[in-house]
Amino acid sequence: MKIFFLILLIVLVATALALWFWRQTDHASDHAAMARLAALQPTAPERFDVSLLEGLPEPAQRYFRYTIQPGTPLYTVARISMTGKFGMGNRESPDYMDMQASQVLAMPEGFVWKMGASRGALRVSGSDTEKWTRFWLMGLLPVARMGGDADHTRSAFGRYVAESVFWTPAALLPGQGVKWELVDVNTARVIVRHNGMEQAVDVVVAEDGRPLQVNFDRWTNANSEKVHRLQPFGGYLSEFREFDGFHLPTRVEAGNFFATENYFPFFIASVTGIEFPKHDALGHPE
């Protein structure tokens, strides 16, 4: 009997160690992906001038005049830190958890959102990128590992194109792969094309150009059938602050089935910091 318990103990310890090393591998890949995206920051970006807005729909011009001050270096990669709530349930039972997260956003190439959430003794952590979704329970049990397919890539693309409206407006200035259309007097639509994908996002702006909400059709399986399809997604933006010449929202509420009776804001974030990683002329971090 003693030998049995000894073998069982060895198996349990070996399993725990294997899971711990697996978790550390995920951490390492998260940080490597963040570094790769941060390195995409322009080393000598153009500075914002209103002449760049020529020909854009009037609501889009309002949006850029509000979000980017004249003379601001047009950094397109941001590092964002946030706290808030993350819903693990549905509209009827949100199951919100307290959340802390950091993110590197580099539209159109990708993003990394690295989070930890808790409710009482329950702990969930992991990361979401254009390549994977990985979540762990209590830091040792893998509970979700998805990605590496066209559905995941397309769904993630919708997310980070929309988030660039929030936090990296310079990435949405007109140019290769980015165009704007008029929707109505206070709404403009940005259309981004990249690597064979296309995503349109509608931006509703106030009279002063402050973006109030975004909405778009997102490719997702967040439905009762668990089938990938286009569904309304969107959110509300508020509590704007200035970050290195950019005027950006620090409160975001977003979720599935936006502007319908089934809207569920599973993501409620309060931004605690936004920075634009910079590099010297040789591409080294400063």
Protein backbone atom coordinates (compact mmCIF):
# COMPACT_ATOMS: atom_id res chain seq x y z
CA MET A 1 0.00 0.00 0.00
CA LYS A 2 2.87 2.39 0.80
CA ILE A 3 4.39 1.71 -2.61
CA PHE A 4 1.04 2.48 -4.27
CA PHE A 5 0.75 5.87 -2.53
CA LEU A 6 4.36 6.65 -3.33
CA ILE A 7 3.79 5.94 -7.02
CA LEU A 8 0.59 7.98 -6.94
CA LEU A 9 2.44 10.89 -5.33
CA ILE A 10 5.18 10.72 -7.94
CA VAL A 11 2.59 10.72 -10.75
CA LEU A 12 0.77 13.71 -9.24
CA VAL A 13 3.96 15.69 -8.77
CA ALA A 14 5.15 14.86 -12.29
CA THR A 15 1.79 15.91 -13.73
CA ALA A 16 1.81 19.18 -11.80
CA LEU A 17 5.36 19.92 -12.97
CA ALA A 18 4.46 19.14 -16.58
CA LEU A 19 1.44 21.47 -16.42
CA TRP A 20 3.56 24.19 -14.78
CA PHE A 21 6.18 23.98 -17.53
CA TRP A 22 3.40 24.04 -20.15
CA ARG A 23 2.02 27.20 -18.56
CA GLN A 24 5.48 28.81 -18.60
CA THR A 25 5.75 27.97 -22.29
CA ASP A 26 2.51 29.87 -22.89
CA HIS A 27 3.86 32.86 -20.94
CA ALA A 28 7.01 32.84 -23.05
CA SER A 29 5.07 32.74 -26.32
CA ASP A 30 2.83 35.58 -25.11
CA HIS A 31 5.82 37.80 -24.37
CA ALA A 32 7.54 36.87 -27.62
CA ALA A 33 4.40 37.78 -29.58
CA MET A 34 4.14 41.09 -27.71
CA ALA A 35 7.76 41.91 -28.50
CA ARG A 36 7.28 41.03 -32.16
CA LEU A 37 4.29 43.36 -32.47
CA ALA A 38 5.95 46.19 -30.51
CA ALA A 39 8.88 46.01 -32.95
CA LEU A 40 6.48 46.99 -35.76
CA GLN A 41 6.26 50.52 -34.38
CA PRO A 42 7.51 53.07 -36.95
CA THR A 43 10.93 54.39 -35.91
CA ALA A 44 10.44 57.83 -37.48
CA PRO A 45 6.70 58.28 -38.02
CA GLU A 46 5.12 61.11 -39.96
CA ARG A 47 3.46 63.77 -37.84
CA PHE A 48 -0.25 64.41 -38.00
CA ASP A 49 -1.47 67.20 -40.23
CA VAL A 50 -5.08 67.90 -41.18
CA SER A 51 -4.07 67.74 -44.85
CA LEU A 52 -3.99 63.94 -44.40
CA LEU A 53 -7.78 64.06 -44.03
CA GLU A 54 -8.49 65.50 -47.45
CA GLY A 55 -11.31 63.63 -49.19
CA LEU A 56 -12.50 61.76 -46.10
CA PRO A 57 -16.19 61.75 -45.11
CA GLU A 58 -16.93 64.62 -42.72
CA PRO A 59 -17.61 62.38 -39.66
CA ALA A 60 -14.28 60.65 -40.25
CA GLN A 61 -12.52 64.01 -40.41
CA ARG A 62 -14.18 64.96 -37.11
CA TYR A 63 -13.01 61.68 -35.59
CA PHE A 64 -9.37 62.21 -36.53
CA ARG A 65 -9.36 65.90 -35.55
CA TYR A 66 -10.57 64.88 -32.10
CA THR A 67 -8.40 61.82 -31.54
CA ILE A 68 -5.05 63.13 -32.91
CA GLN A 69 -3.59 66.54 -32.15
CA PRO A 70 -1.69 68.36 -34.92
CA GLY A 71 2.00 67.52 -34.88
CA THR A 72 1.54 64.21 -33.05
CA PRO A 73 3.88 61.43 -34.26
CA LEU A 74 1.69 58.85 -35.96
CA TYR A 75 2.50 55.81 -33.85
CA THR A 76 0.43 52.81 -34.88
CA VAL A 77 1.36 50.32 -32.13
CA ALA A 78 0.07 50.76 -28.58
CA ARG A 79 0.58 49.02 -25.26
CA ILE A 80 -2.56 49.20 -23.12
CA SER A 81 -3.11 48.25 -19.49
CA MET A 82 -6.59 47.85 -18.07
CA THR A 83 -8.77 46.65 -15.24
CA GLY A 84 -12.48 45.89 -15.28
CA LYS A 85 -14.90 43.02 -15.56
CA PHE A 86 -15.02 40.05 -17.91
CA GLY A 87 -18.26 38.08 -18.28
CA MET A 88 -17.89 34.31 -18.48
CA GLY A 89 -21.65 33.68 -18.79
CA ASN A 90 -24.49 35.18 -20.80
CA ARG A 91 -26.98 38.04 -20.65
CA GLU A 92 -29.18 36.28 -18.09
CA SER A 93 -26.23 35.16 -15.94
CA PRO A 94 -23.15 37.30 -16.76
CA ASP A 95 -20.82 35.65 -14.21
CA TYR A 96 -18.58 38.72 -14.18
CA MET A 97 -15.04 38.30 -12.90
CA ASP A 98 -12.67 41.06 -11.83
CA MET A 99 -10.10 41.49 -14.59
CA GLN A 100 -6.63 42.87 -15.08
CA ALA A 101 -5.00 42.77 -18.49
CA SER A 102 -2.28 44.14 -20.72
CA GLN A 103 -2.41 44.31 -24.47
CA VAL A 104 -0.21 45.12 -27.43
CA LEU A 105 -2.23 46.28 -30.43
CA ALA A 106 -0.61 46.49 -33.87
CA MET A 107 -3.33 46.74 -36.49
CA PRO A 108 -3.37 45.28 -39.15
CA GLU A 109 -0.78 42.68 -38.11
CA GLY A 110 -2.28 41.47 -34.85
CA PHE A 111 -2.68 41.85 -31.12
CA VAL A 112 -1.93 40.10 -27.83
CA TRP A 113 -4.34 40.44 -24.89
CA LYS A 114 -2.93 38.87 -21.73
CA MET A 115 -5.34 38.70 -18.81
CA GLY A 116 -6.02 37.41 -15.34
CA ALA A 117 -9.49 37.32 -13.79
CA SER A 118 -10.88 36.27 -10.45
CA ARG A 119 -14.10 35.83 -8.51
CA GLY A 120 -13.64 34.72 -4.95
CA ALA A 121 -11.19 31.82 -4.94
CA LEU A 122 -11.71 31.17 -8.66
CA ARG A 123 -8.83 32.23 -10.92
CA VAL A 124 -8.73 32.28 -14.73
CA SER A 125 -5.80 33.54 -16.79
CA GLY A 126 -4.53 33.33 -20.33
CA SER A 127 -4.20 35.20 -23.57
CA ASP A 128 -6.01 35.97 -26.79
CA THR A 129 -4.29 36.76 -30.10
CA GLU A 130 -4.92 36.51 -33.81
CA LYS A 131 -3.31 33.06 -33.63
CA TRP A 132 -4.67 31.52 -30.44
CA THR A 133 -6.99 31.68 -27.44
CA ARG A 134 -5.55 29.99 -24.32
CA PHE A 135 -7.12 30.06 -20.88
CA TRP A 136 -6.04 28.32 -17.69
CA LEU A 137 -7.92 27.60 -14.48
CA MET A 138 -6.01 28.31 -11.26
CA GLY A 139 -2.83 28.65 -13.33
CA LEU A 140 -2.45 24.89 -13.79
CA LEU A 141 -5.43 23.45 -15.67
CA PRO A 142 -5.89 24.25 -19.37
CA VAL A 143 -9.60 24.93 -19.95
CA ALA A 144 -9.58 26.48 -23.44
CA ARG A 145 -7.13 26.13 -26.31
CA MET A 146 -8.38 27.36 -29.65
CA GLY A 147 -7.03 28.98 -32.78
CA GLY A 148 -4.82 28.19 -35.71
CA ASP A 149 -7.72 28.11 -38.17
CA ALA A 150 -9.43 30.51 -40.57
CA ASP A 151 -12.47 31.04 -38.34
CA HIS A 152 -10.36 32.16 -35.38
CA THR A 153 -8.19 34.42 -37.54
CA ARG A 154 -11.21 36.09 -39.11
CA SER A 155 -12.94 36.61 -35.76
CA ALA A 156 -9.78 38.07 -34.20
CA PHE A 157 -9.32 40.41 -37.17
CA GLY A 158 -12.72 41.95 -36.49
CA ARG A 159 -11.81 42.50 -32.86
CA TYR A 160 -8.52 44.26 -33.38
CA VAL A 161 -9.68 46.38 -36.31
CA ALA A 162 -12.46 47.69 -34.05
CA GLU A 163 -10.05 48.21 -31.16
CA SER A 164 -7.78 50.28 -33.35
CA VAL A 165 -10.68 52.79 -33.49
CA PHE A 166 -10.37 53.00 -29.69
CA TRP A 167 -6.65 53.07 -29.14
CA THR A 168 -4.58 53.43 -32.35
CA PRO A 169 -6.39 55.90 -34.63
CA ALA A 170 -3.19 56.59 -36.58
CA ALA A 171 -3.39 53.02 -37.92
CA LEU A 172 -6.70 53.95 -39.57
CA LEU A 173 -5.60 56.98 -41.53
CA PRO A 174 -6.36 56.48 -45.23
CA GLY A 175 -3.74 54.46 -47.05
CA GLN A 176 -3.03 51.03 -48.42
CA GLY A 177 -5.71 48.65 -47.16
CA VAL A 178 -7.73 51.35 -45.37
CA LYS A 179 -10.60 53.39 -46.76
CA TRP A 180 -13.52 55.35 -45.30
CA GLU A 181 -17.14 55.71 -46.40
CA LEU A 182 -19.98 57.96 -45.28
CA VAL A 183 -22.90 56.28 -43.50
CA ASP A 184 -24.82 59.28 -42.17
CA VAL A 185 -24.22 62.74 -40.74
CA ASN A 186 -22.56 61.37 -37.58
CA THR A 187 -21.35 57.96 -38.75
CA ALA A 188 -18.41 56.90 -40.89
CA ARG A 189 -17.42 53.38 -41.91
CA VAL A 190 -13.79 52.29 -42.03
CA ILE A 191 -12.97 49.27 -44.20
CA VAL A 192 -9.69 47.46 -43.62
CA ARG A 193 -8.27 44.82 -45.96
CA HIS A 194 -5.30 42.66 -44.99
CA ASN A 195 -4.06 39.21 -46.01
CA GLY A 196 -7.24 38.40 -47.90
CA MET A 197 -9.54 39.51 -45.06
CA GLU A 198 -11.89 42.46 -45.00
CA GLN A 199 -13.56 44.10 -42.01
CA ALA A 200 -15.92 47.09 -41.96
CA VAL A 201 -16.50 48.99 -38.71
CA ASP A 202 -18.99 51.82 -38.21
CA VAL A 203 -17.90 54.69 -35.96
CA VAL A 204 -20.50 57.02 -34.47
CA VAL A 205 -19.06 60.40 -33.47
CA ALA A 206 -20.28 63.37 -31.45
CA GLU A 207 -20.37 66.93 -32.74
CA ASP A 208 -16.82 67.46 -31.51
CA GLY A 209 -15.63 64.24 -33.19
CA ARG A 210 -15.44 62.15 -30.04
CA PRO A 211 -16.15 58.52 -30.98
CA LEU A 212 -19.18 57.40 -28.99
CA GLN A 213 -19.64 53.85 -30.20
CA VAL A 214 -18.44 51.31 -32.71
CA ASN A 215 -20.40 48.48 -34.27
CA PHE A 216 -19.75 45.86 -36.89
CA ASP A 217 -20.65 42.38 -38.05
CA ARG A 218 -18.19 40.00 -36.43
CA TRP A 219 -17.44 36.44 -37.51
CA THR A 220 -18.06 34.43 -34.34
CA ASN A 221 -19.54 31.29 -32.84
CA ALA A 222 -20.74 33.08 -29.69
CA ASN A 223 -24.28 31.82 -30.13
CA SER A 224 -26.42 28.99 -28.82
CA GLU A 225 -25.68 26.85 -31.88
CA LYS A 226 -21.90 27.39 -31.56
CA VAL A 227 -21.75 27.98 -35.31
CA HIS A 228 -19.49 30.61 -36.87
CA ARG A 229 -21.50 33.33 -38.58
CA LEU A 230 -21.68 37.11 -38.84
CA GLN A 231 -23.34 38.67 -35.78
CA PRO A 232 -23.71 42.23 -34.47
CA PHE A 233 -20.88 43.24 -32.18
CA GLY A 234 -19.99 46.60 -30.72
CA GLY A 235 -19.53 48.84 -27.76
CA TYR A 236 -19.60 52.25 -26.14
CA LEU A 237 -16.62 54.54 -25.55
CA SER A 238 -16.24 57.18 -22.84
CA GLU A 239 -13.93 58.90 -20.33
CA PHE A 240 -11.38 60.25 -22.79
CA ARG A 241 -7.83 61.21 -21.81
CA GLU A 242 -4.76 62.44 -23.64
CA PHE A 243 -1.86 60.07 -24.27
CA ASP A 244 1.15 61.49 -26.14
CA GLY A 245 -1.02 63.66 -28.36
CA PHE A 246 -3.80 61.11 -28.83
CA HIS A 247 -7.22 61.67 -27.21
CA LEU A 248 -8.45 58.16 -26.39
CA PRO A 249 -11.24 56.45 -24.41
CA THR A 250 -10.39 54.93 -21.05
CA ARG A 251 -13.73 53.18 -20.57
CA VAL A 252 -14.98 50.60 -23.05
CA GLU A 253 -18.07 48.45 -22.77
CA ALA A 254 -18.50 45.89 -25.55
CA GLY A 255 -20.21 42.64 -26.39
CA ASN A 256 -22.16 40.39 -28.67
CA PHE A 257 -25.50 41.20 -30.32
CA PHE A 258 -24.85 44.92 -30.00
CA ALA A 259 -27.92 47.17 -30.41
CA THR A 260 -30.31 44.22 -30.06
CA GLU A 261 -32.39 42.95 -27.16
CA ASN A 262 -29.80 40.19 -26.70
CA TYR A 263 -26.86 42.54 -26.19
CA PHE A 264 -24.45 41.14 -23.58
CA PRO A 265 -21.55 43.46 -22.58
CA PHE A 266 -19.10 40.78 -21.48
CA PHE A 267 -16.12 43.17 -21.70
CA ILE A 268 -16.11 46.23 -19.43
CA ALA A 269 -12.69 47.84 -19.24
CA SER A 270 -11.18 50.83 -17.49
CA VAL A 271 -7.86 51.74 -19.07
CA THR A 272 -5.10 52.54 -16.60
CA GLY A 273 -2.43 53.39 -19.14
CA ILE A 274 -1.63 53.65 -22.83
CA GLU A 275 1.87 54.02 -24.20
CA PHE A 276 3.40 53.83 -27.64
CA PRO A 277 6.60 51.75 -27.54
CA LYS A 278 9.38 53.61 -29.27
CA HIS A 279 12.65 52.52 -30.88
CA ASP A 280 15.85 54.20 -31.85
CA ALA A 281 17.04 54.53 -35.44
CA LEU A 282 18.44 50.99 -35.30
CA GLY A 283 15.10 49.56 -34.20
CA HIS A 284 16.17 48.95 -30.60
CA PRO A 285 13.72 49.69 -27.77
CA GLU A 286 14.43 53.03 -26.03
